[in-house]
Full PDB file with SEQRES, HELIX, SHEET, SSBOND, CRYST1, ORIGX, SCALE, CONECT and MASTER records, all heavy atoms in Angstrom:
SEQRES   1 A   43  ALA ASP ARG VAL LEU ALA GLU LEU GLY GLY ALA ARG TYR          
SEQRES   2 A   43  VAL LEU THR PHE GLY ASP GLU ASP ALA GLY HIS GLY PRO          
SEQRES   3 A   43  PRO ARG ARG ARG GLY GLY ARG ARG ALA GLY ALA GLY ASP          
SEQRES   4 A   43  SER PRO SER VAL                                              
SHEET    1 AA1 2 ASP A   2  LEU A   8  0                                        
SHEET    2 AA1 2 ALA A  11  PHE A  17 -1                                        
CRYST1    1.000    1.000    1.000  90.00  90.00  90.00 P 1           1          
ORIGX1      1.000000  0.000000  0.000000        0.00000                         
ORIGX2      0.000000  1.000000  0.000000        0.00000                         
ORIGX3      0.000000  0.000000  1.000000        0.00000                         
SCALE1      1.000000  0.000000  0.000000        0.00000                         
SCALE2      0.000000  1.000000  0.000000        0.00000                         
SCALE3      0.000000  0.000000  1.000000        0.00000                         
ATOM      1  N   ALA A   1      31.687  19.504 -44.043  1.00  0.00           N  
ATOM      2  CA  ALA A   1      32.394  18.704 -43.089  1.00  0.00           C  
ATOM      3  C   ALA A   1      33.632  18.064 -43.822  1.00  0.00           C  
ATOM      4  O   ALA A   1      33.380  17.199 -44.662  1.00  0.00           O  
ATOM      5  CB  ALA A   1      31.488  17.684 -42.465  1.00  0.00           C  
ATOM      6  N   ASP A   2      34.824  18.472 -43.548  1.00  0.00           N  
ATOM      7  CA  ASP A   2      35.937  17.915 -44.170  1.00  0.00           C  
ATOM      8  C   ASP A   2      36.267  16.545 -43.675  1.00  0.00           C  
ATOM      9  O   ASP A   2      36.230  16.261 -42.454  1.00  0.00           O  
ATOM     10  CB  ASP A   2      37.225  18.839 -43.810  1.00  0.00           C  
ATOM     11  CG  ASP A   2      37.119  20.207 -44.392  1.00  0.00           C  
ATOM     12  OD1 ASP A   2      36.344  20.451 -45.332  1.00  0.00           O  
ATOM     13  OD2 ASP A   2      37.932  21.076 -43.875  1.00  0.00           O  
ATOM     14  N   ARG A   3      36.409  15.630 -44.659  1.00  0.00           N  
ATOM     15  CA  ARG A   3      36.636  14.208 -44.316  1.00  0.00           C  
ATOM     16  C   ARG A   3      38.068  13.864 -44.874  1.00  0.00           C  
ATOM     17  O   ARG A   3      38.398  14.182 -45.981  1.00  0.00           O  
ATOM     18  CB  ARG A   3      35.633  13.304 -44.921  1.00  0.00           C  
ATOM     19  CG  ARG A   3      34.192  13.527 -44.336  1.00  0.00           C  
ATOM     20  CD  ARG A   3      33.214  12.674 -44.986  1.00  0.00           C  
ATOM     21  NE  ARG A   3      33.414  11.288 -44.798  1.00  0.00           N  
ATOM     22  CZ  ARG A   3      32.807  10.510 -43.907  1.00  0.00           C  
ATOM     23  NH1 ARG A   3      31.953  11.066 -43.112  1.00  0.00           N  
ATOM     24  NH2 ARG A   3      33.150   9.267 -43.812  1.00  0.00           N  
ATOM     25  N   VAL A   4      38.730  13.118 -44.100  1.00  0.00           N  
ATOM     26  CA  VAL A   4      40.114  12.611 -44.421  1.00  0.00           C  
ATOM     27  C   VAL A   4      40.224  11.201 -44.171  1.00  0.00           C  
ATOM     28  O   VAL A   4      39.710  10.600 -43.129  1.00  0.00           O  
ATOM     29  CB  VAL A   4      41.145  13.311 -43.577  1.00  0.00           C  
ATOM     30  CG1 VAL A   4      42.537  12.772 -43.864  1.00  0.00           C  
ATOM     31  CG2 VAL A   4      41.116  14.862 -43.822  1.00  0.00           C  
ATOM     32  N   LEU A   5      40.738  10.492 -45.133  1.00  0.00           N  
ATOM     33  CA  LEU A   5      41.040   9.028 -44.918  1.00  0.00           C  
ATOM     34  C   LEU A   5      42.536   9.019 -44.605  1.00  0.00           C  
ATOM     35  O   LEU A   5      43.344   9.384 -45.447  1.00  0.00           O  
ATOM     36  CB  LEU A   5      40.725   8.189 -46.180  1.00  0.00           C  
ATOM     37  CG  LEU A   5      41.173   6.742 -46.110  1.00  0.00           C  
ATOM     38  CD1 LEU A   5      40.407   6.008 -44.992  1.00  0.00           C  
ATOM     39  CD2 LEU A   5      40.917   6.056 -47.482  1.00  0.00           C  
ATOM     40  N   ALA A   6      42.874   8.624 -43.375  1.00  0.00           N  
ATOM     41  CA  ALA A   6      44.230   8.602 -42.908  1.00  0.00           C  
ATOM     42  C   ALA A   6      44.639   7.218 -42.565  1.00  0.00           C  
ATOM     43  O   ALA A   6      43.847   6.438 -42.054  1.00  0.00           O  
ATOM     44  CB  ALA A   6      44.405   9.560 -41.767  1.00  0.00           C  
ATOM     45  N   GLU A   7      45.941   6.834 -42.767  1.00  0.00           N  
ATOM     46  CA  GLU A   7      46.471   5.662 -42.394  1.00  0.00           C  
ATOM     47  C   GLU A   7      47.565   5.890 -41.366  1.00  0.00           C  
ATOM     48  O   GLU A   7      48.507   6.620 -41.596  1.00  0.00           O  
ATOM     49  CB  GLU A   7      47.065   4.969 -43.567  1.00  0.00           C  
ATOM     50  CG  GLU A   7      47.545   3.526 -43.325  1.00  0.00           C  
ATOM     51  CD  GLU A   7      47.992   2.855 -44.580  1.00  0.00           C  
ATOM     52  OE1 GLU A   7      49.088   3.210 -45.015  1.00  0.00           O  
ATOM     53  OE2 GLU A   7      47.234   2.001 -45.178  1.00  0.00           O  
ATOM     54  N   LEU A   8      47.402   5.247 -40.203  1.00  0.00           N  
ATOM     55  CA  LEU A   8      48.352   5.383 -39.034  1.00  0.00           C  
ATOM     56  C   LEU A   8      48.933   4.025 -38.844  1.00  0.00           C  
ATOM     57  O   LEU A   8      48.239   3.126 -38.278  1.00  0.00           O  
ATOM     58  CB  LEU A   8      47.737   5.870 -37.734  1.00  0.00           C  
ATOM     59  CG  LEU A   8      47.031   7.283 -37.861  1.00  0.00           C  
ATOM     60  CD1 LEU A   8      46.497   7.653 -36.450  1.00  0.00           C  
ATOM     61  CD2 LEU A   8      47.978   8.335 -38.370  1.00  0.00           C  
ATOM     62  N   GLY A   9      50.167   3.724 -39.200  1.00  0.00           N  
ATOM     63  CA  GLY A   9      50.804   2.525 -38.915  1.00  0.00           C  
ATOM     64  C   GLY A   9      50.120   1.306 -39.519  1.00  0.00           C  
ATOM     65  O   GLY A   9      50.083   0.219 -38.950  1.00  0.00           O  
ATOM     66  N   GLY A  10      49.402   1.421 -40.664  1.00  0.00           N  
ATOM     67  CA  GLY A  10      48.695   0.368 -41.271  1.00  0.00           C  
ATOM     68  C   GLY A  10      47.270   0.358 -41.034  1.00  0.00           C  
ATOM     69  O   GLY A  10      46.433  -0.316 -41.784  1.00  0.00           O  
ATOM     70  N   ALA A  11      46.758   1.000 -39.953  1.00  0.00           N  
ATOM     71  CA  ALA A  11      45.314   1.042 -39.684  1.00  0.00           C  
ATOM     72  C   ALA A  11      44.662   2.292 -40.370  1.00  0.00           C  
ATOM     73  O   ALA A  11      45.234   3.376 -40.243  1.00  0.00           O  
ATOM     74  CB  ALA A  11      45.105   1.050 -38.166  1.00  0.00           C  
ATOM     75  N   ARG A  12      43.500   2.097 -41.011  1.00  0.00           N  
ATOM     76  CA  ARG A  12      42.919   3.262 -41.742  1.00  0.00           C  
ATOM     77  C   ARG A  12      41.745   3.801 -40.917  1.00  0.00           C  
ATOM     78  O   ARG A  12      40.948   3.049 -40.337  1.00  0.00           O  
ATOM     79  CB  ARG A  12      42.406   2.764 -43.079  1.00  0.00           C  
ATOM     80  CG  ARG A  12      43.550   2.500 -44.020  1.00  0.00           C  
ATOM     81  CD  ARG A  12      42.998   2.121 -45.340  1.00  0.00           C  
ATOM     82  NE  ARG A  12      44.114   1.918 -46.219  1.00  0.00           N  
ATOM     83  CZ  ARG A  12      44.029   1.884 -47.520  1.00  0.00           C  
ATOM     84  NH1 ARG A  12      42.885   1.967 -48.167  1.00  0.00           N  
ATOM     85  NH2 ARG A  12      45.085   1.618 -48.321  1.00  0.00           N  
ATOM     86  N   TYR A  13      41.733   5.136 -40.787  1.00  0.00           N  
ATOM     87  CA  TYR A  13      40.715   5.832 -40.033  1.00  0.00           C  
ATOM     88  C   TYR A  13      40.113   6.941 -40.948  1.00  0.00           C  
ATOM     89  O   TYR A  13      40.825   7.538 -41.805  1.00  0.00           O  
ATOM     90  CB  TYR A  13      41.295   6.540 -38.805  1.00  0.00           C  
ATOM     91  CG  TYR A  13      41.958   5.598 -37.812  1.00  0.00           C  
ATOM     92  CD1 TYR A  13      43.287   5.227 -37.834  1.00  0.00           C  
ATOM     93  CD2 TYR A  13      41.166   5.029 -36.838  1.00  0.00           C  
ATOM     94  CE1 TYR A  13      43.882   4.407 -37.002  1.00  0.00           C  
ATOM     95  CE2 TYR A  13      41.714   4.119 -35.825  1.00  0.00           C  
ATOM     96  CZ  TYR A  13      43.119   3.881 -35.985  1.00  0.00           C  
ATOM     97  OH  TYR A  13      43.610   2.954 -35.077  1.00  0.00           O  
ATOM     98  N   VAL A  14      38.815   7.209 -40.776  1.00  0.00           N  
ATOM     99  CA  VAL A  14      38.149   8.274 -41.389  1.00  0.00           C  
ATOM    100  C   VAL A  14      37.923   9.362 -40.372  1.00  0.00           C  
ATOM    101  O   VAL A  14      37.375   9.074 -39.334  1.00  0.00           O  
ATOM    102  CB  VAL A  14      36.779   7.842 -42.057  1.00  0.00           C  
ATOM    103  CG1 VAL A  14      36.013   9.105 -42.520  1.00  0.00           C  
ATOM    104  CG2 VAL A  14      37.000   6.763 -43.071  1.00  0.00           C  
ATOM    105  N   LEU A  15      38.552  10.586 -40.590  1.00  0.00           N  
ATOM    106  CA  LEU A  15      38.383  11.636 -39.696  1.00  0.00           C  
ATOM    107  C   LEU A  15      37.538  12.690 -40.357  1.00  0.00           C  
ATOM    108  O   LEU A  15      37.750  13.147 -41.483  1.00  0.00           O  
ATOM    109  CB  LEU A  15      39.822  12.291 -39.459  1.00  0.00           C  
ATOM    110  CG  LEU A  15      40.864  11.278 -39.129  1.00  0.00           C  
ATOM    111  CD1 LEU A  15      42.308  12.010 -39.049  1.00  0.00           C  
ATOM    112  CD2 LEU A  15      40.619  10.579 -37.852  1.00  0.00           C  
ATOM    113  N   THR A  16      36.501  13.093 -39.551  1.00  0.00           N  
ATOM    114  CA  THR A  16      35.564  14.155 -39.981  1.00  0.00           C  
ATOM    115  C   THR A  16      35.758  15.367 -39.227  1.00  0.00           C  
ATOM    116  O   THR A  16      35.430  15.351 -37.985  1.00  0.00           O  
ATOM    117  CB  THR A  16      34.144  13.641 -40.057  1.00  0.00           C  
ATOM    118  OG1 THR A  16      34.032  12.426 -40.698  1.00  0.00           O  
ATOM    119  CG2 THR A  16      33.190  14.712 -40.649  1.00  0.00           C  
ATOM    120  N   PHE A  17      36.445  16.429 -39.805  1.00  0.00           N  
ATOM    121  CA  PHE A  17      36.583  17.650 -39.149  1.00  0.00           C  
ATOM    122  C   PHE A  17      35.412  18.542 -39.342  1.00  0.00           C  
ATOM    123  O   PHE A  17      34.855  18.607 -40.394  1.00  0.00           O  
ATOM    124  CB  PHE A  17      37.862  18.422 -39.675  1.00  0.00           C  
ATOM    125  CG  PHE A  17      39.141  17.626 -39.530  1.00  0.00           C  
ATOM    126  CD1 PHE A  17      39.626  16.808 -40.446  1.00  0.00           C  
ATOM    127  CD2 PHE A  17      39.849  17.796 -38.294  1.00  0.00           C  
ATOM    128  CE1 PHE A  17      40.706  16.072 -40.263  1.00  0.00           C  
ATOM    129  CE2 PHE A  17      41.048  17.082 -38.105  1.00  0.00           C  
ATOM    130  CZ  PHE A  17      41.466  16.219 -39.163  1.00  0.00           C  
ATOM    131  N   GLY A  18      34.967  19.239 -38.235  1.00  0.00           N  
ATOM    132  CA  GLY A  18      33.968  20.323 -38.406  1.00  0.00           C  
ATOM    133  C   GLY A  18      32.581  19.674 -38.656  1.00  0.00           C  
ATOM    134  O   GLY A  18      31.702  20.250 -39.415  1.00  0.00           O  
ATOM    135  N   ASP A  19      32.414  18.516 -38.122  1.00  0.00           N  
ATOM    136  CA  ASP A  19      31.040  17.814 -38.368  1.00  0.00           C  
ATOM    137  C   ASP A  19      30.044  18.534 -37.519  1.00  0.00           C  
ATOM    138  O   ASP A  19      30.071  18.541 -36.288  1.00  0.00           O  
ATOM    139  CB  ASP A  19      31.213  16.288 -37.895  1.00  0.00           C  
ATOM    140  CG  ASP A  19      29.912  15.624 -38.118  1.00  0.00           C  
ATOM    141  OD1 ASP A  19      29.059  16.000 -38.830  1.00  0.00           O  
ATOM    142  OD2 ASP A  19      29.907  14.359 -37.585  1.00  0.00           O  
ATOM    143  N   GLU A  20      29.123  19.118 -38.224  1.00  0.00           N  
ATOM    144  CA  GLU A  20      28.089  19.997 -37.506  1.00  0.00           C  
ATOM    145  C   GLU A  20      27.062  19.036 -36.718  1.00  0.00           C  
ATOM    146  O   GLU A  20      26.506  19.523 -35.783  1.00  0.00           O  
ATOM    147  CB  GLU A  20      27.334  20.812 -38.470  1.00  0.00           C  
ATOM    148  CG  GLU A  20      28.258  21.870 -39.188  1.00  0.00           C  
ATOM    149  CD  GLU A  20      27.461  22.760 -40.134  1.00  0.00           C  
ATOM    150  OE1 GLU A  20      26.222  22.574 -40.315  1.00  0.00           O  
ATOM    151  OE2 GLU A  20      28.175  23.554 -40.694  1.00  0.00           O  
ATOM    152  N   ASP A  21      26.979  17.842 -37.048  1.00  0.00           N  
ATOM    153  CA  ASP A  21      26.195  16.909 -36.197  1.00  0.00           C  
ATOM    154  C   ASP A  21      26.722  16.605 -34.909  1.00  0.00           C  
ATOM    155  O   ASP A  21      25.976  16.353 -33.935  1.00  0.00           O  
ATOM    156  CB  ASP A  21      25.953  15.613 -37.015  1.00  0.00           C  
ATOM    157  CG  ASP A  21      25.224  15.746 -38.302  1.00  0.00           C  
ATOM    158  OD1 ASP A  21      24.466  16.732 -38.455  1.00  0.00           O  
ATOM    159  OD2 ASP A  21      25.417  14.924 -39.207  1.00  0.00           O  
ATOM    160  N   ALA A  22      27.981  16.729 -34.710  1.00  0.00           N  
ATOM    161  CA  ALA A  22      28.638  16.436 -33.475  1.00  0.00           C  
ATOM    162  C   ALA A  22      28.343  17.455 -32.419  1.00  0.00           C  
ATOM    163  O   ALA A  22      28.225  17.234 -31.277  1.00  0.00           O  
ATOM    164  CB  ALA A  22      30.146  16.267 -33.593  1.00  0.00           C  
ATOM    165  N   GLY A  23      28.071  18.634 -32.855  1.00  0.00           N  
ATOM    166  CA  GLY A  23      27.743  19.768 -32.018  1.00  0.00           C  
ATOM    167  C   GLY A  23      28.873  20.273 -31.009  1.00  0.00           C  
ATOM    168  O   GLY A  23      28.506  20.816 -29.954  1.00  0.00           O  
ATOM    169  N   HIS A  24      30.055  20.070 -31.372  1.00  0.00           N  
ATOM    170  CA  HIS A  24      31.103  20.461 -30.486  1.00  0.00           C  
ATOM    171  C   HIS A  24      31.925  21.628 -31.127  1.00  0.00           C  
ATOM    172  O   HIS A  24      33.085  21.830 -30.697  1.00  0.00           O  
ATOM    173  CB  HIS A  24      32.066  19.277 -30.195  1.00  0.00           C  
ATOM    174  CG  HIS A  24      31.284  18.156 -29.494  1.00  0.00           C  
ATOM    175  ND1 HIS A  24      31.084  18.230 -28.159  1.00  0.00           N  
ATOM    176  CD2 HIS A  24      30.859  16.998 -29.883  1.00  0.00           C  
ATOM    177  CE1 HIS A  24      30.342  17.176 -27.788  1.00  0.00           C  
ATOM    178  NE2 HIS A  24      30.307  16.382 -28.787  1.00  0.00           N  
ATOM    179  N   GLY A  25      31.399  22.309 -32.029  1.00  0.00           N  
ATOM    180  CA  GLY A  25      32.146  23.518 -32.548  1.00  0.00           C  
ATOM    181  C   GLY A  25      33.179  23.178 -33.584  1.00  0.00           C  
ATOM    182  O   GLY A  25      33.535  21.900 -33.843  1.00  0.00           O  
ATOM    183  N   PRO A  26      33.710  24.185 -34.164  1.00  0.00           N  
ATOM    184  CA  PRO A  26      34.714  23.964 -35.257  1.00  0.00           C  
ATOM    185  C   PRO A  26      36.003  23.516 -34.611  1.00  0.00           C  
ATOM    186  O   PRO A  26      36.359  23.796 -33.472  1.00  0.00           O  
ATOM    187  CB  PRO A  26      34.896  25.347 -35.823  1.00  0.00           C  
ATOM    188  CG  PRO A  26      34.429  26.319 -34.790  1.00  0.00           C  
ATOM    189  CD  PRO A  26      33.542  25.576 -34.031  1.00  0.00           C  
ATOM    190  N   PRO A  27      36.844  22.783 -35.370  1.00  0.00           N  
ATOM    191  CA  PRO A  27      38.151  22.453 -34.919  1.00  0.00           C  
ATOM    192  C   PRO A  27      39.071  23.569 -34.633  1.00  0.00           C  
ATOM    193  O   PRO A  27      38.862  24.718 -35.205  1.00  0.00           O  
ATOM    194  CB  PRO A  27      38.783  21.590 -36.082  1.00  0.00           C  
ATOM    195  CG  PRO A  27      37.618  21.332 -36.918  1.00  0.00           C  
ATOM    196  CD  PRO A  27      36.631  22.333 -36.749  1.00  0.00           C  
ATOM    197  N   ARG A  28      39.949  23.449 -33.721  1.00  0.00           N  
ATOM    198  CA  ARG A  28      40.845  24.594 -33.484  1.00  0.00           C  
ATOM    199  C   ARG A  28      42.325  24.102 -33.780  1.00  0.00           C  
ATOM    200  O   ARG A  28      42.675  22.979 -33.805  1.00  0.00           O  
ATOM    201  CB  ARG A  28      40.873  25.037 -31.970  1.00  0.00           C  
ATOM    202  CG  ARG A  28      41.133  23.953 -30.992  1.00  0.00           C  
ATOM    203  CD  ARG A  28      40.810  24.407 -29.638  1.00  0.00           C  
ATOM    204  NE  ARG A  28      40.785  23.341 -28.732  1.00  0.00           N  
ATOM    205  CZ  ARG A  28      41.847  22.907 -28.025  1.00  0.00           C  
ATOM    206  NH1 ARG A  28      43.040  23.528 -28.182  1.00  0.00           N  
ATOM    207  NH2 ARG A  28      41.834  21.919 -27.222  1.00  0.00           N  
ATOM    208  N   ARG A  29      43.182  25.128 -34.035  1.00  0.00           N  
ATOM    209  CA  ARG A  29      44.608  24.792 -34.403  1.00  0.00           C  
ATOM    210  C   ARG A  29      45.443  25.684 -33.555  1.00  0.00           C  
ATOM    211  O   ARG A  29      45.233  26.788 -33.356  1.00  0.00           O  
ATOM    212  CB  ARG A  29      44.818  25.087 -35.889  1.00  0.00           C  
ATOM    213  CG  ARG A  29      46.207  24.919 -36.388  1.00  0.00           C  
ATOM    214  CD  ARG A  29      46.252  24.898 -37.773  1.00  0.00           C  
ATOM    215  NE  ARG A  29      47.489  25.324 -38.514  1.00  0.00           N  
ATOM    216  CZ  ARG A  29      48.648  24.705 -38.256  1.00  0.00           C  
ATOM    217  NH1 ARG A  29      48.759  23.716 -37.429  1.00  0.00           N  
ATOM    218  NH2 ARG A  29      49.715  25.130 -38.939  1.00  0.00           N  
ATOM    219  N   ARG A  30      46.487  25.013 -32.959  1.00  0.00           N  
ATOM    220  CA  ARG A  30      47.431  25.777 -32.164  1.00  0.00           C  
ATOM    221  C   ARG A  30      48.745  25.925 -32.933  1.00  0.00           C  
ATOM    222  O   ARG A  30      49.156  25.004 -33.662  1.00  0.00           O  
ATOM    223  CB  ARG A  30      47.781  24.877 -30.885  1.00  0.00           C  
ATOM    224  CG  ARG A  30      46.662  24.810 -29.921  1.00  0.00           C  
ATOM    225  CD  ARG A  30      47.158  24.210 -28.665  1.00  0.00           C  
ATOM    226  NE  ARG A  30      46.016  23.626 -27.974  1.00  0.00           N  
ATOM    227  CZ  ARG A  30      46.016  22.516 -27.343  1.00  0.00           C  
ATOM    228  NH1 ARG A  30      47.161  21.808 -27.257  1.00  0.00           N  
ATOM    229  NH2 ARG A  30      44.974  22.092 -26.648  1.00  0.00           N  
ATOM    230  N   GLY A  31      49.409  27.017 -32.694  1.00  0.00           N  
ATOM    231  CA  GLY A  31      50.640  27.274 -33.378  1.00  0.00           C  
ATOM    232  C   GLY A  31      50.461  27.606 -34.849  1.00  0.00           C  
ATOM    233  O   GLY A  31      49.614  27.144 -35.473  1.00  0.00           O  
ATOM    234  N   GLY A  32      51.368  28.454 -35.384  1.00  0.00           N  
ATOM    235  CA  GLY A  32      51.274  28.781 -36.740  1.00  0.00           C  
ATOM    236  C   GLY A  32      49.925  29.463 -37.118  1.00  0.00           C  
ATOM    237  O   GLY A  32      49.422  30.234 -36.345  1.00  0.00           O  
ATOM    238  N   ARG A  33      49.431  29.153 -38.252  1.00  0.00           N  
ATOM    239  CA  ARG A  33      48.163  29.802 -38.692  1.00  0.00           C  
ATOM    240  C   ARG A  33      46.997  29.068 -38.086  1.00  0.00           C  
ATOM    241  O   ARG A  33      47.025  27.888 -37.769  1.00  0.00           O  
ATOM    242  CB  ARG A  33      48.051  29.691 -40.195  1.00  0.00           C  
ATOM    243  CG  ARG A  33      49.221  30.567 -40.845  1.00  0.00           C  
ATOM    244  CD  ARG A  33      49.010  30.672 -42.367  1.00  0.00           C  
ATOM    245  NE  ARG A  33      48.706  29.402 -42.890  1.00  0.00           N  
ATOM    246  CZ  ARG A  33      48.559  29.286 -44.276  1.00  0.00           C  
ATOM    247  NH1 ARG A  33      48.711  30.253 -45.037  1.00  0.00           N  
ATOM    248  NH2 ARG A  33      48.343  28.053 -44.797  1.00  0.00           N  
ATOM    249  N   ARG A  34      45.909  29.765 -37.903  1.00  0.00           N  
ATOM    250  CA  ARG A  34      44.714  29.205 -37.333  1.00  0.00           C  
ATOM    251  C   ARG A  34      43.892  28.530 -38.452  1.00  0.00           C  
ATOM    252  O   ARG A  34      44.059  28.838 -39.584  1.00  0.00           O  
ATOM    253  CB  ARG A  34      43.903  30.292 -36.664  1.00  0.00           C  
ATOM    254  CG  ARG A  34      44.652  30.975 -35.554  1.00  0.00           C  
ATOM    255  CD  ARG A  34      43.754  31.826 -34.700  1.00  0.00           C  
ATOM    256  NE  ARG A  34      42.665  31.095 -34.141  1.00  0.00           N  
ATOM    257  CZ  ARG A  34      42.697  30.314 -33.064  1.00  0.00           C  
ATOM    258  NH1 ARG A  34      43.803  30.089 -32.471  1.00  0.00           N  
ATOM    259  NH2 ARG A  34      41.660  29.745 -32.569  1.00  0.00           N  
ATOM    260  N   ALA A  35      43.091  27.554 -38.073  1.00  0.00           N  
ATOM    261  CA  ALA A  35      42.368  26.722 -39.054  1.00  0.00           C  
ATOM    262  C   ALA A  35      41.402  27.697 -39.881  1.00  0.00           C  
ATOM    263  O   ALA A  35      41.117  27.398 -40.969  1.00  0.00           O  
ATOM    264  CB  ALA A  35      41.550  25.709 -38.371  1.00  0.00           C  
ATOM    265  N   GLY A  36      40.939  28.720 -39.329  1.00  0.00           N  
ATOM    266  CA  GLY A  36      39.989  29.613 -39.999  1.00  0.00           C  
ATOM    267  C   GLY A  36      40.618  30.655 -40.840  1.00  0.00           C  
ATOM    268  O   GLY A  36      39.972  31.451 -41.411  1.00  0.00           O  
ATOM    269  N   ALA A  37      41.961  30.568 -41.067  1.00  0.00           N  
ATOM    270  CA  ALA A  37      42.678  31.541 -41.740  1.00  0.00           C  
ATOM    271  C   ALA A  37      42.762  31.155 -43.258  1.00  0.00           C  
ATOM    272  O   ALA A  37      43.876  31.330 -43.832  1.00  0.00           O  
ATOM    273  CB  ALA A  37      44.032  31.828 -41.164  1.00  0.00           C  
ATOM    274  N   GLY A  38      41.738  30.632 -43.807  1.00  0.00           N  
ATOM    275  CA  GLY A  38      41.799  30.316 -45.315  1.00  0.00           C  
ATOM    276  C   GLY A  38      41.983  28.852 -45.576  1.00  0.00           C  
ATOM    277  O   GLY A  38      41.592  28.394 -46.610  1.00  0.00           O  
ATOM    278  N   ASP A  39      42.588  28.079 -44.742  1.00  0.00           N  
ATOM    279  CA  ASP A  39      42.878  26.667 -44.984  1.00  0.00           C  
ATOM    280  C   ASP A  39      41.798  25.879 -44.168  1.00  0.00           C  
ATOM    281  O   ASP A  39      41.511  26.176 -43.085  1.00  0.00           O  
ATOM    282  CB  ASP A  39      44.220  26.198 -44.568  1.00  0.00           C  
ATOM    283  CG  ASP A  39      45.322  26.722 -45.522  1.00  0.00           C  
ATOM    284  OD1 ASP A  39      44.942  27.024 -46.670  1.00  0.00           O  
ATOM    285  OD2 ASP A  39      46.479  26.785 -45.075  1.00  0.00           O  
ATOM    286  N   SER A  40      41.343  24.738 -44.841  1.00  0.00           N  
ATOM    287  CA  SER A  40      40.381  23.932 -44.101  1.00  0.00           C  
ATOM    288  C   SER A  40      41.231  23.035 -43.092  1.00  0.00           C  
ATOM    289  O   SER A  40      42.452  22.894 -43.271  1.00  0.00           O  
ATOM    290  CB  SER A  40      39.650  22.967 -45.087  1.00  0.00           C  
ATOM    291  OG  SER A  40      40.563  22.079 -45.608  1.00  0.00           O  
ATOM    292  N   PRO A  41      40.518  22.590 -42.064  1.00  0.00           N  
ATOM    293  CA  PRO A  41      41.224  21.712 -41.101  1.00  0.00           C  
ATOM    294  C   PRO A  41      41.913  20.538 -41.615  1.00  0.00           C  
ATOM    295  O   PRO A  41      42.987  20.057 -41.237  1.00  0.00           O  
ATOM    296  CB  PRO A  41      40.096  21.319 -40.004  1.00  0.00           C  
ATOM    297  CG  PRO A  41      39.098  22.297 -40.258  1.00  0.00           C  
ATOM    298  CD  PRO A  41      39.170  22.823 -41.678  1.00  0.00           C  
ATOM    299  N   SER A  42      41.258  19.867 -42.675  1.00  0.00           N  
ATOM    300  CA  SER A  42      41.852  18.683 -43.333  1.00  0.00           C  
ATOM    301  C   SER A  42      43.158  19.063 -44.029  1.00  0.00           C  
ATOM    302  O   SER A  42      44.163  18.322 -44.006  1.00  0.00           O  
ATOM    303  CB  SER A  42      40.912  18.044 -44.270  1.00  0.00           C  
ATOM    304  OG  SER A  42      40.446  18.929 -45.246  1.00  0.00           O  
ATOM    305  N   VAL A  43      43.222  20.203 -44.663  1.00  0.00           N  
ATOM    306  CA  VAL A  43      44.412  20.704 -45.290  1.00  0.00           C  
ATOM    307  C   VAL A  43      45.588  20.973 -44.282  1.00  0.00           C  
ATOM    308  O   VAL A  43      46.756  20.537 -44.523  1.00  0.00           O  
ATOM    309  CB  VAL A  43      44.191  21.911 -46.250  1.00  0.00           C  
ATOM    310  CG1 VAL A  43      45.507  22.503 -46.762  1.00  0.00           C  
ATOM    311  CG2 VAL A  43      43.221  21.551 -47.282  1.00  0.00           C  
TER     312      VAL A  43                                                      
MASTER        0    0    0    0    2    0    0    6  311    1    0    4          
END                                                                             
């Protein structure tokens, strides 16, 4: 489960991509390369 600590305008958020506990499937990416094409969603 890829985790990212991101700061948006001063507020910090932890984003967990591909969390298997959520049960909503893998993240998807539109445009360009797809998330499953070698790069993790957080990258």
